Amino acid sequence: MAQAFARLGSKVHLLTRSSTLLPGEDADAVKVIHAALEKDGVKVFVNQVIESVDVTEKGKLVKSRSHIDQADRTDKAFTEILV
């Protein structure tokens, strides 16, 4: 779904708690899929934990952090969020 929205012109960020997009799948196949998503404009963030989502004047603010490095925190504002 992320790739489809990106191909239609949306800016797409894909966050996953896993260290890879498809845990348990062949690593080489996952690399191909990851590269294809990024080629189509999807920004992929692995090892992420969503801490909160708030509605602000800037949009929907997503606060996330790496579950590996607690100091690695990110705040991003989005127009829409798909779960």
Protein backbone atom coordinates (compact mmCIF):
# COMPACT_ATOMS: atom_id res chain seq x y z
CA MET A 1 0.00 0.00 0.00
CA ALA A 2 2.89 2.37 0.79
CA GLN A 3 4.35 1.87 -2.66
CA ALA A 4 0.99 2.51 -4.35
CA PHE A 5 0.50 5.82 -2.53
CA ALA A 6 4.08 6.85 -3.31
CA ARG A 7 3.56 6.06 -7.00
CA LEU A 8 0.45 8.23 -6.94
CA GLY A 9 2.53 11.15 -5.69
CA SER A 10 2.13 11.04 -1.91
CA LYS A 11 5.11 11.41 0.39
CA VAL A 12 5.20 8.12 2.29
CA HIS A 13 7.10 7.15 5.43
CA LEU A 14 6.95 3.52 6.53
CA LEU A 15 7.86 2.79 10.15
CA THR A 16 8.36 -0.70 11.52
CA ARG A 17 9.52 -1.99 14.88
CA SER A 18 11.42 -4.81 13.22
CA SER A 19 14.98 -4.54 12.00
CA THR A 20 13.70 -5.53 8.57
CA LEU A 21 10.53 -4.99 6.57
CA LEU A 22 9.59 -8.66 6.43
CA PRO A 23 10.93 -10.57 9.45
CA GLY A 24 11.42 -14.25 8.81
CA GLU A 25 11.68 -13.86 5.04
CA ASP A 26 14.76 -14.41 2.91
CA ALA A 27 17.20 -11.52 3.55
CA ASP A 28 18.05 -11.12 -0.14
CA ALA A 29 14.37 -10.89 -1.09
CA VAL A 30 13.78 -8.31 1.65
CA LYS A 31 16.67 -6.20 0.34
CA VAL A 32 15.10 -6.20 -3.14
CA ILE A 33 11.72 -5.14 -1.75
CA HIS A 34 13.29 -2.47 0.48
CA ALA A 35 15.23 -1.05 -2.49
CA ALA A 36 12.12 -1.05 -4.69
CA LEU A 37 10.13 0.86 -2.08
CA GLU A 38 12.87 3.44 -1.68
CA LYS A 39 13.24 3.76 -5.47
CA ASP A 40 9.54 4.64 -5.61
CA GLY A 41 10.01 7.29 -2.93
CA VAL A 42 8.97 5.43 0.23
CA LYS A 43 11.15 6.41 3.20
CA VAL A 44 11.62 3.29 5.33
CA PHE A 45 12.46 3.54 9.04
CA VAL A 46 13.25 0.27 10.85
CA ASN A 47 13.61 -0.42 14.58
CA GLN A 48 10.99 2.24 15.42
CA VAL A 49 8.56 2.45 18.34
CA ILE A 50 5.66 4.90 18.07
CA GLU A 51 5.48 6.77 21.37
CA SER A 52 2.54 9.05 20.59
CA VAL A 53 0.35 10.61 17.92
CA ASP A 54 -1.10 14.07 18.48
CA VAL A 55 -3.20 16.35 16.30
CA THR A 56 -1.59 19.80 16.06
CA GLU A 57 -1.88 22.84 13.81
CA LYS A 58 0.92 21.28 11.70
CA GLY A 59 -1.02 18.06 11.19
CA LYS A 60 -0.76 14.71 12.89
CA LEU A 61 2.47 14.66 14.89
CA VAL A 62 4.06 11.23 15.28
CA LYS A 63 6.73 10.86 17.95
CA SER A 64 8.87 7.77 17.52
CA ARG A 65 12.16 6.42 18.79
CA SER A 66 14.51 3.62 17.97
CA HIS A 67 13.98 0.63 20.24
CA ILE A 68 17.72 -0.04 19.86
CA ASP A 69 19.04 3.46 20.70
CA GLN A 70 16.72 5.23 23.16
CA ALA A 71 18.33 8.59 22.35
CA ASP A 72 17.40 8.30 18.65
CA ARG A 73 14.05 10.13 18.66
CA THR A 74 12.07 11.59 15.77
CA ASP A 75 9.06 13.90 15.54
CA LYS A 76 7.33 14.08 12.16
CA ALA A 77 4.13 15.82 11.10
CA PHE A 78 1.86 14.09 8.59
CA THR A 79 -1.38 14.94 6.81
CA GLU A 80 -2.72 11.40 7.14
CA ILE A 81 -1.71 8.21 8.93
CA LEU A 82 -2.50 4.67 7.83
CA VAL A 83 -2.06 1.80 10.25
